[in-house]
Amino acid sequence: MWENVRNCLIFIGLAMVVKNILLAGSLAFVLGGCTSITTMTPAQFSQLSPTQIPFSGSWSGEAGASIAVLKLNRQGSGMLCMDDRKEAMSYKVKLVDNVLYSDQGIKFNVKALNPSHAKIHVSLLGIGATLDLNKDDSLNNVTPRCKQLLTGA
């Protein structure tokens, strides 16, 4: 549970533009919970049948103060890594229709996904953050920590 709380706080941080919004979001989180955390268990995540896509690859971009990279195979499974230059976090993900589910219970709405661009949105406590990612199969625009997490090297 605390890992989900930590994950929510990191995503809330992505959506913040000013310190006042961060404070309000944190307070709302404490009072109201995190709306993008599902009640999915690891077993339920493993049973998800991902949606196949006609391409595969990696997409990266900046998300606030963080660098994000999404890697998907043609079967619709992959990883998402986010690095705020203090800590890198990676998630196993599965694309089911237009929703990207993470193994940690975080749900992203896929607004666009094509061979050159990916746009995914997460909404926490009514505050949204959009990850606008461009094709980066060579992982040139990712942090060394995310590169290591994604490639296992």
N, C-alpha and C. Protein backbone atom coordinates (compact mmCIF):
# COMPACT_ATOMS: atom_id res chain seq x y z
N MET A 1 0.81 -1.18 0.00
CA MET A 1 0.00 0.00 0.00
C MET A 1 0.87 1.26 0.00
N TRP A 2 1.93 1.28 0.80
CA TRP A 2 2.78 2.47 0.87
C TRP A 2 3.50 2.70 -0.44
N GLU A 3 3.78 1.62 -1.18
CA GLU A 3 4.42 1.80 -2.47
C GLU A 3 3.45 2.50 -3.42
N ASN A 4 2.15 2.13 -3.37
CA ASN A 4 1.16 2.82 -4.19
C ASN A 4 1.03 4.27 -3.78
N VAL A 5 1.10 4.55 -2.50
CA VAL A 5 1.04 5.94 -2.03
C VAL A 5 2.24 6.70 -2.59
N ARG A 6 3.43 6.11 -2.52
CA ARG A 6 4.63 6.75 -3.05
C ARG A 6 4.49 6.97 -4.54
N ASN A 7 3.96 5.98 -5.26
CA ASN A 7 3.77 6.12 -6.70
C ASN A 7 2.81 7.26 -7.02
N CYS A 8 1.73 7.35 -6.27
CA CYS A 8 0.77 8.43 -6.50
C CYS A 8 1.42 9.78 -6.28
N LEU A 9 2.19 9.91 -5.24
CA LEU A 9 2.83 11.19 -4.94
C LEU A 9 3.79 11.58 -6.05
N ILE A 10 4.49 10.62 -6.63
CA ILE A 10 5.40 10.94 -7.73
C ILE A 10 4.61 11.42 -8.93
N PHE A 11 3.49 10.75 -9.24
CA PHE A 11 2.68 11.18 -10.37
C PHE A 11 2.01 12.52 -10.09
N ILE A 12 1.61 12.75 -8.86
CA ILE A 12 1.04 14.04 -8.51
C ILE A 12 2.09 15.12 -8.75
N GLY A 13 3.33 14.83 -8.40
CA GLY A 13 4.42 15.78 -8.62
C GLY A 13 4.58 16.14 -10.08
N LEU A 14 4.32 15.18 -10.99
CA LEU A 14 4.42 15.46 -12.42
C LEU A 14 3.38 16.48 -12.87
N ALA A 15 2.23 16.45 -12.25
CA ALA A 15 1.13 17.29 -12.69
C ALA A 15 1.20 18.70 -12.10
N MET A 16 2.05 18.91 -11.16
CA MET A 16 2.09 20.19 -10.46
C MET A 16 2.87 21.24 -11.25
N VAL A 17 2.34 22.43 -11.27
CA VAL A 17 3.01 23.53 -11.93
C VAL A 17 3.58 24.49 -10.88
N VAL A 18 2.88 24.68 -9.80
CA VAL A 18 3.33 25.57 -8.73
C VAL A 18 3.24 24.85 -7.41
N LYS A 19 3.98 25.35 -6.42
CA LYS A 19 4.03 24.69 -5.12
C LYS A 19 2.67 24.63 -4.45
N ASN A 20 1.84 25.61 -4.65
CA ASN A 20 0.51 25.61 -4.02
C ASN A 20 -0.35 24.46 -4.51
N ILE A 21 -0.25 24.15 -5.79
CA ILE A 21 -1.02 23.03 -6.33
C ILE A 21 -0.51 21.73 -5.73
N LEU A 22 0.81 21.61 -5.56
CA LEU A 22 1.38 20.41 -4.96
C LEU A 22 0.87 20.23 -3.55
N LEU A 23 0.85 21.30 -2.78
CA LEU A 23 0.35 21.21 -1.41
C LEU A 23 -1.11 20.81 -1.38
N ALA A 24 -1.92 21.44 -2.24
CA ALA A 24 -3.34 21.11 -2.29
C ALA A 24 -3.57 19.67 -2.73
N GLY A 25 -2.79 19.22 -3.74
CA GLY A 25 -2.92 17.83 -4.20
C GLY A 25 -2.54 16.83 -3.13
N SER A 26 -1.48 17.12 -2.39
CA SER A 26 -1.05 16.23 -1.31
C SER A 26 -2.11 16.16 -0.23
N LEU A 27 -2.67 17.31 0.12
CA LEU A 27 -3.71 17.33 1.14
C LEU A 27 -4.94 16.56 0.67
N ALA A 28 -5.32 16.77 -0.58
CA ALA A 28 -6.47 16.05 -1.12
C ALA A 28 -6.22 14.56 -1.15
N PHE A 29 -4.97 14.17 -1.45
CA PHE A 29 -4.64 12.75 -1.47
C PHE A 29 -4.83 12.14 -0.08
N VAL A 30 -4.35 12.84 0.92
CA VAL A 30 -4.47 12.34 2.29
C VAL A 30 -5.93 12.23 2.69
N LEU A 31 -6.73 13.21 2.27
CA LEU A 31 -8.13 13.22 2.66
C LEU A 31 -9.01 12.32 1.80
N GLY A 32 -8.65 12.19 0.51
CA GLY A 32 -9.57 11.50 -0.38
C GLY A 32 -9.06 10.27 -1.07
N GLY A 33 -7.79 9.97 -0.98
CA GLY A 33 -7.25 8.79 -1.64
C GLY A 33 -6.81 9.09 -3.05
N CYS A 34 -6.25 8.11 -3.69
CA CYS A 34 -5.69 8.26 -5.03
C CYS A 34 -6.63 7.62 -6.03
N THR A 35 -7.21 8.40 -6.91
CA THR A 35 -8.26 7.89 -7.78
C THR A 35 -7.75 7.05 -8.94
N SER A 36 -6.46 7.06 -9.26
CA SER A 36 -5.97 6.27 -10.38
C SER A 36 -5.40 4.93 -9.93
N ILE A 37 -5.45 4.65 -8.66
CA ILE A 37 -5.00 3.35 -8.19
C ILE A 37 -6.19 2.41 -8.26
N THR A 38 -6.00 1.30 -8.94
CA THR A 38 -7.07 0.33 -9.04
C THR A 38 -6.95 -0.65 -7.88
N THR A 39 -7.91 -1.50 -7.76
CA THR A 39 -7.85 -2.53 -6.73
C THR A 39 -7.34 -3.84 -7.31
N MET A 40 -6.67 -3.74 -8.44
CA MET A 40 -6.16 -4.92 -9.12
C MET A 40 -5.00 -5.53 -8.34
N THR A 41 -5.08 -6.83 -8.16
CA THR A 41 -4.00 -7.55 -7.50
C THR A 41 -2.97 -7.97 -8.55
N PRO A 42 -1.75 -8.34 -8.12
CA PRO A 42 -0.77 -8.83 -9.08
C PRO A 42 -1.28 -10.02 -9.90
N ALA A 43 -2.06 -10.89 -9.27
CA ALA A 43 -2.61 -12.03 -9.99
C ALA A 43 -3.58 -11.57 -11.08
N GLN A 44 -4.40 -10.58 -10.77
CA GLN A 44 -5.33 -10.06 -11.77
C GLN A 44 -4.57 -9.38 -12.91
N PHE A 45 -3.49 -8.66 -12.58
CA PHE A 45 -2.68 -8.03 -13.62
C PHE A 45 -2.11 -9.09 -14.55
N SER A 46 -1.60 -10.17 -14.00
CA SER A 46 -0.99 -11.21 -14.84
C SER A 46 -2.02 -11.91 -15.72
N GLN A 47 -3.29 -11.86 -15.32
CA GLN A 47 -4.34 -12.49 -16.12
C GLN A 47 -4.91 -11.58 -17.21
N LEU A 48 -4.53 -10.31 -17.19
CA LEU A 48 -5.01 -9.41 -18.24
C LEU A 48 -4.53 -9.87 -19.61
N SER A 49 -5.41 -9.81 -20.58
CA SER A 49 -5.05 -10.13 -21.96
C SER A 49 -4.82 -8.83 -22.70
N PRO A 50 -3.57 -8.52 -23.01
CA PRO A 50 -3.29 -7.24 -23.67
C PRO A 50 -3.80 -7.21 -25.11
N THR A 51 -4.02 -6.00 -25.58
CA THR A 51 -4.44 -5.76 -26.96
C THR A 51 -3.21 -5.71 -27.85
N GLN A 52 -3.21 -6.52 -28.88
CA GLN A 52 -2.08 -6.52 -29.81
C GLN A 52 -2.07 -5.24 -30.63
N ILE A 53 -0.86 -4.78 -30.97
CA ILE A 53 -0.70 -3.58 -31.78
C ILE A 53 0.17 -3.94 -33.00
N PRO A 54 0.03 -3.21 -34.09
CA PRO A 54 0.77 -3.57 -35.32
C PRO A 54 2.21 -3.05 -35.35
N PHE A 55 2.74 -2.61 -34.24
CA PHE A 55 4.10 -2.09 -34.17
C PHE A 55 4.61 -2.30 -32.76
N SER A 56 5.88 -2.05 -32.56
CA SER A 56 6.47 -2.15 -31.23
C SER A 56 7.53 -1.06 -31.13
N GLY A 57 8.04 -0.86 -29.93
CA GLY A 57 9.11 0.11 -29.80
C GLY A 57 9.14 0.81 -28.47
N SER A 58 9.90 1.90 -28.44
CA SER A 58 10.06 2.72 -27.25
C SER A 58 9.76 4.16 -27.60
N TRP A 59 9.10 4.84 -26.66
CA TRP A 59 8.76 6.24 -26.80
C TRP A 59 9.22 6.94 -25.53
N SER A 60 9.85 8.11 -25.66
CA SER A 60 10.33 8.82 -24.47
C SER A 60 10.00 10.30 -24.56
N GLY A 61 10.04 10.95 -23.40
CA GLY A 61 9.80 12.38 -23.35
C GLY A 61 9.87 12.89 -21.93
N GLU A 62 9.79 14.20 -21.81
CA GLU A 62 9.81 14.82 -20.50
C GLU A 62 8.39 14.92 -19.97
N ALA A 63 8.26 14.73 -18.68
CA ALA A 63 6.97 14.86 -18.00
C ALA A 63 7.23 15.66 -16.74
N GLY A 64 7.07 16.96 -16.83
CA GLY A 64 7.43 17.82 -15.71
C GLY A 64 8.93 17.76 -15.52
N ALA A 65 9.34 17.46 -14.30
CA ALA A 65 10.77 17.36 -13.99
C ALA A 65 11.32 15.97 -14.25
N SER A 66 10.49 15.08 -14.75
CA SER A 66 10.89 13.69 -14.96
C SER A 66 11.07 13.37 -16.43
N ILE A 67 11.80 12.30 -16.66
CA ILE A 67 11.91 11.70 -17.99
C ILE A 67 11.11 10.40 -17.93
N ALA A 68 10.28 10.19 -18.93
CA ALA A 68 9.47 8.97 -18.99
C ALA A 68 9.78 8.22 -20.27
N VAL A 69 9.74 6.90 -20.19
CA VAL A 69 9.93 6.08 -21.38
C VAL A 69 8.98 4.89 -21.30
N LEU A 70 8.29 4.65 -22.40
CA LEU A 70 7.36 3.54 -22.53
C LEU A 70 7.93 2.59 -23.57
N LYS A 71 7.99 1.33 -23.24
CA LYS A 71 8.46 0.30 -24.17
C LYS A 71 7.37 -0.75 -24.28
N LEU A 72 6.89 -0.98 -25.51
CA LEU A 72 5.83 -1.97 -25.76
C LEU A 72 6.24 -2.92 -26.87
N ASN A 73 5.84 -4.19 -26.71
CA ASN A 73 6.01 -5.16 -27.79
C ASN A 73 4.70 -5.25 -28.57
N ARG A 74 4.71 -6.00 -29.65
CA ARG A 74 3.51 -6.13 -30.49
C ARG A 74 2.34 -6.79 -29.78
N GLN A 75 2.63 -7.52 -28.72
CA GLN A 75 1.56 -8.17 -27.95
C GLN A 75 0.88 -7.20 -26.99
N GLY A 76 1.37 -5.95 -26.89
CA GLY A 76 0.75 -4.96 -26.03
C GLY A 76 1.26 -4.97 -24.60
N SER A 77 2.37 -5.66 -24.35
CA SER A 77 2.98 -5.70 -23.02
C SER A 77 4.32 -4.98 -23.06
N GLY A 78 4.75 -4.51 -21.90
CA GLY A 78 6.04 -3.85 -21.87
C GLY A 78 6.35 -3.25 -20.52
N MET A 79 7.06 -2.13 -20.56
CA MET A 79 7.48 -1.46 -19.33
C MET A 79 7.33 0.05 -19.50
N LEU A 80 7.12 0.71 -18.37
CA LEU A 80 7.13 2.16 -18.29
C LEU A 80 8.12 2.53 -17.21
N CYS A 81 9.03 3.44 -17.51
CA CYS A 81 10.01 3.89 -16.54
C CYS A 81 9.91 5.40 -16.41
N MET A 82 9.97 5.89 -15.19
CA MET A 82 9.96 7.32 -14.92
C MET A 82 11.11 7.63 -13.98
N ASP A 83 11.87 8.64 -14.32
CA ASP A 83 13.03 9.03 -13.52
C ASP A 83 12.96 10.53 -13.26
N ASP A 84 12.87 10.89 -11.98
CA ASP A 84 12.84 12.31 -11.62
C ASP A 84 14.24 12.83 -11.27
N ARG A 85 15.24 12.08 -11.66
CA ARG A 85 16.66 12.36 -11.43
C ARG A 85 17.07 12.18 -9.97
N LYS A 86 16.13 11.71 -9.15
CA LYS A 86 16.43 11.32 -7.78
C LYS A 86 16.19 9.82 -7.62
N GLU A 87 15.12 9.36 -8.27
CA GLU A 87 14.74 7.96 -8.17
C GLU A 87 14.08 7.53 -9.48
N ALA A 88 14.45 6.36 -9.94
CA ALA A 88 13.82 5.80 -11.14
C ALA A 88 12.86 4.70 -10.71
N MET A 89 11.69 4.72 -11.31
CA MET A 89 10.68 3.70 -11.02
C MET A 89 10.26 3.05 -12.32
N SER A 90 10.17 1.73 -12.32
CA SER A 90 9.71 1.06 -13.52
C SER A 90 8.50 0.19 -13.18
N TYR A 91 7.65 0.04 -14.15
CA TYR A 91 6.42 -0.73 -14.00
C TYR A 91 6.28 -1.66 -15.19
N LYS A 92 5.82 -2.85 -14.95
CA LYS A 92 5.37 -3.69 -16.05
C LYS A 92 4.01 -3.14 -16.44
N VAL A 93 3.75 -3.09 -17.75
CA VAL A 93 2.47 -2.55 -18.22
C VAL A 93 1.86 -3.46 -19.27
N LYS A 94 0.52 -3.36 -19.36
CA LYS A 94 -0.24 -4.07 -20.39
C LYS A 94 -1.26 -3.11 -20.96
N LEU A 95 -1.32 -3.06 -22.27
CA LEU A 95 -2.30 -2.25 -22.98
C LEU A 95 -3.55 -3.09 -23.19
N VAL A 96 -4.67 -2.62 -22.66
CA VAL A 96 -5.96 -3.29 -22.87
C VAL A 96 -6.89 -2.23 -23.44
N ASP A 97 -7.21 -2.37 -24.72
CA ASP A 97 -7.95 -1.37 -25.47
C ASP A 97 -7.20 -0.03 -25.37
N ASN A 98 -7.79 0.98 -24.79
CA ASN A 98 -7.13 2.27 -24.69
C ASN A 98 -6.69 2.59 -23.27
N VAL A 99 -6.43 1.56 -22.49
CA VAL A 99 -5.97 1.74 -21.11
C VAL A 99 -4.68 0.96 -20.93
N LEU A 100 -3.70 1.63 -20.32
CA LEU A 100 -2.43 1.01 -19.99
C LEU A 100 -2.45 0.74 -18.49
N TYR A 101 -2.43 -0.54 -18.12
CA TYR A 101 -2.45 -0.94 -16.72
C TYR A 101 -1.04 -1.26 -16.26
N SER A 102 -0.69 -0.81 -15.06
CA SER A 102 0.62 -1.15 -14.51
C SER A 102 0.48 -2.24 -13.47
N ASP A 103 1.57 -2.93 -13.22
CA ASP A 103 1.57 -3.99 -12.22
C ASP A 103 1.43 -3.44 -10.81
N GLN A 104 1.53 -2.12 -10.64
CA GLN A 104 1.37 -1.49 -9.33
C GLN A 104 -0.01 -0.89 -9.15
N GLY A 105 -0.92 -1.16 -10.08
CA GLY A 105 -2.30 -0.71 -9.95
C GLY A 105 -2.57 0.68 -10.50
N ILE A 106 -1.61 1.29 -11.16
CA ILE A 106 -1.83 2.61 -11.75
C ILE A 106 -2.38 2.42 -13.16
N LYS A 107 -3.38 3.23 -13.49
CA LYS A 107 -4.07 3.11 -14.76
C LYS A 107 -3.86 4.39 -15.56
N PHE A 108 -3.45 4.23 -16.83
CA PHE A 108 -3.22 5.36 -17.73
C PHE A 108 -4.20 5.25 -18.88
N ASN A 109 -4.78 6.36 -19.28
CA ASN A 109 -5.62 6.40 -20.48
C ASN A 109 -4.73 6.73 -21.66
N VAL A 110 -4.81 5.91 -22.70
CA VAL A 110 -4.00 6.12 -23.89
C VAL A 110 -4.78 7.03 -24.84
N LYS A 111 -4.25 8.22 -25.05
CA LYS A 111 -4.90 9.20 -25.93
C LYS A 111 -4.43 9.03 -27.37
N ALA A 112 -3.19 8.60 -27.55
CA ALA A 112 -2.64 8.37 -28.89
C ALA A 112 -1.52 7.34 -28.76
N LEU A 113 -1.47 6.45 -29.71
CA LEU A 113 -0.39 5.47 -29.77
C LEU A 113 -0.22 5.06 -31.23
N ASN A 114 0.92 5.45 -31.79
CA ASN A 114 1.22 5.09 -33.17
C ASN A 114 2.73 4.88 -33.28
N PRO A 115 3.23 4.46 -34.43
CA PRO A 115 4.66 4.16 -34.53
C PRO A 115 5.59 5.32 -34.18
N SER A 116 5.13 6.56 -34.23
CA SER A 116 6.02 7.69 -33.96
C SER A 116 5.71 8.47 -32.69
N HIS A 117 4.56 8.23 -32.08
CA HIS A 117 4.13 9.07 -30.96
C HIS A 117 3.24 8.28 -29.99
N ALA A 118 3.39 8.58 -28.71
CA ALA A 118 2.50 8.01 -27.69
C ALA A 118 2.11 9.13 -26.74
N LYS A 119 0.85 9.19 -26.43
CA LYS A 119 0.34 10.20 -25.49
C LYS A 119 -0.54 9.47 -24.49
N ILE A 120 -0.09 9.44 -23.23
CA ILE A 120 -0.85 8.75 -22.20
C ILE A 120 -1.15 9.73 -21.07
N HIS A 121 -2.29 9.54 -20.45
CA HIS A 121 -2.78 10.48 -19.45
C HIS A 121 -3.10 9.73 -18.16
N VAL A 122 -2.70 10.31 -17.06
CA VAL A 122 -3.06 9.77 -15.75
C VAL A 122 -3.76 10.88 -14.99
N SER A 123 -4.80 10.53 -14.28
CA SER A 123 -5.54 11.51 -13.50
C SER A 123 -5.54 11.08 -12.05
N LEU A 124 -5.04 11.96 -11.21
CA LEU A 124 -5.00 11.70 -9.78
C LEU A 124 -5.71 12.84 -9.07
N LEU A 125 -6.71 12.50 -8.29
CA LEU A 125 -7.42 13.50 -7.51
C LEU A 125 -7.98 14.62 -8.36
N GLY A 126 -8.36 14.29 -9.57
CA GLY A 126 -8.89 15.30 -10.46
C GLY A 126 -7.83 16.15 -11.15
N ILE A 127 -6.56 15.92 -10.84
CA ILE A 127 -5.47 16.64 -11.48
C ILE A 127 -4.82 15.68 -12.47
N GLY A 128 -4.71 16.11 -13.71
CA GLY A 128 -4.19 15.22 -14.72
C GLY A 128 -2.78 15.55 -15.14
N ALA A 129 -2.08 14.52 -15.56
CA ALA A 129 -0.74 14.67 -16.13
C ALA A 129 -0.72 13.87 -17.43
N THR A 130 -0.21 14.49 -18.47
CA THR A 130 -0.11 13.82 -19.76
C THR A 130 1.35 13.58 -20.09
N LEU A 131 1.66 12.37 -20.46
CA LEU A 131 3.00 12.02 -20.92
C LEU A 131 2.96 12.05 -22.44
N ASP A 132 3.67 13.01 -23.01
CA ASP A 132 3.73 13.20 -24.46
C ASP A 132 5.08 12.65 -24.92
N LEU A 133 5.07 11.48 -25.52
CA LEU A 133 6.30 10.75 -25.80
C LEU A 133 6.52 10.57 -27.30
N ASN A 134 7.77 10.68 -27.71
CA ASN A 134 8.15 10.49 -29.11
C ASN A 134 8.98 9.23 -29.28
N LYS A 135 8.92 8.66 -30.46
CA LYS A 135 9.63 7.42 -30.75
C LYS A 135 11.11 7.55 -30.41
N ASP A 136 11.64 6.55 -29.69
CA ASP A 136 13.03 6.58 -29.26
C ASP A 136 13.52 5.15 -29.06
N ASP A 137 13.53 4.37 -30.14
CA ASP A 137 13.93 2.97 -30.04
C ASP A 137 15.37 2.79 -29.57
N SER A 138 16.23 3.76 -29.85
CA SER A 138 17.62 3.64 -29.43
C SER A 138 17.84 4.13 -28.00
N LEU A 139 16.78 4.59 -27.36
CA LEU A 139 16.82 5.07 -25.97
C LEU A 139 17.85 6.18 -25.77
N ASN A 140 17.96 7.06 -26.75
CA ASN A 140 18.91 8.18 -26.67
C ASN A 140 18.47 9.25 -25.70
N ASN A 141 17.18 9.38 -25.47
CA ASN A 141 16.66 10.48 -24.66
C ASN A 141 16.15 10.03 -23.30
N VAL A 142 16.71 8.96 -22.77
CA VAL A 142 16.30 8.47 -21.46
C VAL A 142 17.48 8.54 -20.50
N THR A 143 17.18 8.48 -19.23
CA THR A 143 18.25 8.52 -18.24
C THR A 143 18.95 7.17 -18.20
N PRO A 144 20.20 7.15 -17.74
CA PRO A 144 20.92 5.87 -17.63
C PRO A 144 20.18 4.86 -16.74
N ARG A 145 19.53 5.34 -15.69
CA ARG A 145 18.81 4.42 -14.80
C ARG A 145 17.64 3.76 -15.50
N CYS A 146 16.87 4.53 -16.26
CA CYS A 146 15.75 3.94 -16.99
C CYS A 146 16.26 3.00 -18.08
N LYS A 147 17.33 3.40 -18.74
CA LYS A 147 17.90 2.54 -19.78
C LYS A 147 18.29 1.19 -19.19
N GLN A 148 18.89 1.22 -18.01
CA GLN A 148 19.30 -0.03 -17.35
C GLN A 148 18.08 -0.86 -16.95
N LEU A 149 17.05 -0.20 -16.42
CA LEU A 149 15.85 -0.93 -16.01
C LEU A 149 15.12 -1.55 -17.20
N LEU A 150 15.12 -0.85 -18.33
CA LEU A 150 14.40 -1.33 -19.51
C LEU A 150 15.16 -2.43 -20.26
N THR A 151 16.48 -2.34 -20.27
CA THR A 151 17.25 -3.30 -21.04
C THR A 151 17.81 -4.43 -20.18
N GLY A 152 17.79 -4.23 -18.88
CA GLY A 152 18.34 -5.26 -17.98
C GLY A 152 19.86 -5.30 -17.99
N ALA A 153 20.49 -4.32 -18.64
CA ALA A 153 21.95 -4.29 -18.73
C ALA A 153 22.57 -3.57 -17.56
